[in-house]
Amino acid sequence: MILETKRLILRPWEESDAEEYYKYAKDPLVGPICGWTPHTNIAESKRIIKNVLSAPETYAVVWKETFFQSKTAKIYIDGKKYILKEEL
């Protein structure tokens, strides 16, 4: 499933996202507050995309203007409450 707002695209993760994801995931101020250690290389980011972020209903958040992938969103649909806001 792909979801779009005026500014964003929420879509399944792709292995080709690894380089952009690594730029975010290597930051030592990001990983620890999310419960994981900073990534040490692009191969690690690619492995996380393949083994973790490819789970059902897990989406990459991509800015339409720049195609910069910035975050992850997990949306539960069947029987679960979810909220999508245009401000994302």
Protein backbone atom coordinates (compact mmCIF):
# COMPACT_ATOMS: atom_id res chain seq x y z
CA MET A 1 0.00 0.00 0.00
CA ILE A 2 1.18 3.52 -0.77
CA LEU A 3 -0.36 6.49 1.02
CA GLU A 4 0.10 10.08 -0.15
CA THR A 5 -0.54 13.54 1.24
CA LYS A 6 0.25 16.84 -0.42
CA ARG A 7 3.82 16.71 0.86
CA LEU A 8 4.56 13.08 1.69
CA ILE A 9 4.55 9.55 0.38
CA LEU A 10 4.31 6.63 2.80
CA ARG A 11 5.47 3.51 1.01
CA PRO A 12 7.08 0.17 1.76
CA TRP A 13 10.81 0.25 2.37
CA GLU A 14 13.14 -0.68 -0.47
CA GLU A 15 16.74 -1.87 -0.26
CA SER A 16 17.66 1.12 -2.41
CA ASP A 17 16.71 3.31 0.60
CA ALA A 18 19.78 2.05 2.50
CA GLU A 19 22.11 4.95 1.73
CA GLU A 20 19.60 7.61 2.72
CA TYR A 21 18.52 5.62 5.79
CA TYR A 22 22.14 5.24 6.90
CA LYS A 23 22.56 9.04 6.93
CA TYR A 24 19.83 9.17 9.59
CA ALA A 25 20.55 5.88 11.40
CA LYS A 26 24.26 6.55 12.01
CA ASP A 27 23.52 9.60 14.17
CA PRO A 28 24.41 8.76 17.80
CA LEU A 29 21.63 11.07 18.99
CA VAL A 30 18.95 9.12 17.09
CA GLY A 31 19.43 5.39 17.64
CA PRO A 32 19.74 5.22 21.43
CA ILE A 33 16.52 7.14 22.07
CA CYS A 34 14.78 4.75 19.65
CA GLY A 35 16.21 1.69 21.40
CA TRP A 36 18.94 0.71 18.92
CA THR A 37 22.61 1.45 18.40
CA PRO A 38 23.75 3.79 15.63
CA HIS A 39 24.41 2.03 12.33
CA THR A 40 28.08 1.64 11.43
CA ASN A 41 27.77 1.29 7.64
CA ILE A 42 25.34 1.19 4.72
CA ALA A 43 25.38 -2.62 4.68
CA GLU A 44 23.96 -2.63 8.21
CA SER A 45 21.19 -0.24 7.18
CA LYS A 46 20.41 -2.47 4.19
CA ARG A 47 20.20 -5.51 6.49
CA ILE A 48 17.82 -3.66 8.85
CA ILE A 49 15.62 -2.68 5.91
CA LYS A 50 15.53 -6.27 4.69
CA ASN A 51 15.03 -7.98 8.07
CA VAL A 52 13.10 -5.44 10.15
CA LEU A 53 11.60 -2.59 8.15
CA SER A 54 10.16 -4.83 5.45
CA ALA A 55 7.54 -6.03 7.95
CA PRO A 56 3.89 -5.64 6.90
CA GLU A 57 2.39 -2.20 7.43
CA THR A 58 5.79 -0.57 7.98
CA TYR A 59 6.40 2.42 5.75
CA ALA A 60 9.19 4.78 4.76
CA VAL A 61 8.15 8.42 5.00
CA VAL A 62 9.38 10.28 1.91
CA TRP A 63 9.19 14.02 1.30
CA LYS A 64 7.81 14.59 -2.22
CA GLU A 65 9.87 17.76 -2.85
CA THR A 66 13.24 16.17 -2.21
CA PHE A 67 12.50 12.43 -2.17
CA PHE A 68 14.35 12.42 1.14
CA GLN A 69 13.33 9.48 3.28
CA SER A 70 13.19 10.77 6.82
CA LYS A 71 11.31 8.48 9.17
CA THR A 72 9.44 5.22 9.61
CA ALA A 73 5.71 4.90 10.17
CA LYS A 74 3.93 1.76 11.27
CA ILE A 75 0.21 1.89 10.59
CA TYR A 76 -2.25 -0.71 11.82
CA ILE A 77 -5.42 -0.93 9.75
CA ASP A 78 -7.48 -4.05 10.42
CA GLY A 79 -9.07 -3.62 13.82
CA LYS A 80 -6.48 -1.17 15.04
CA LYS A 81 -6.71 2.57 15.51
CA TYR A 82 -4.51 4.72 13.28
CA ILE A 83 -4.13 8.41 12.64
CA LEU A 84 -2.67 10.10 9.59
CA LYS A 85 -2.16 13.83 9.78
CA GLU A 86 -1.53 16.14 6.86
CA GLU A 87 1.15 17.89 8.93
CA LEU A 88 3.46 14.89 8.61
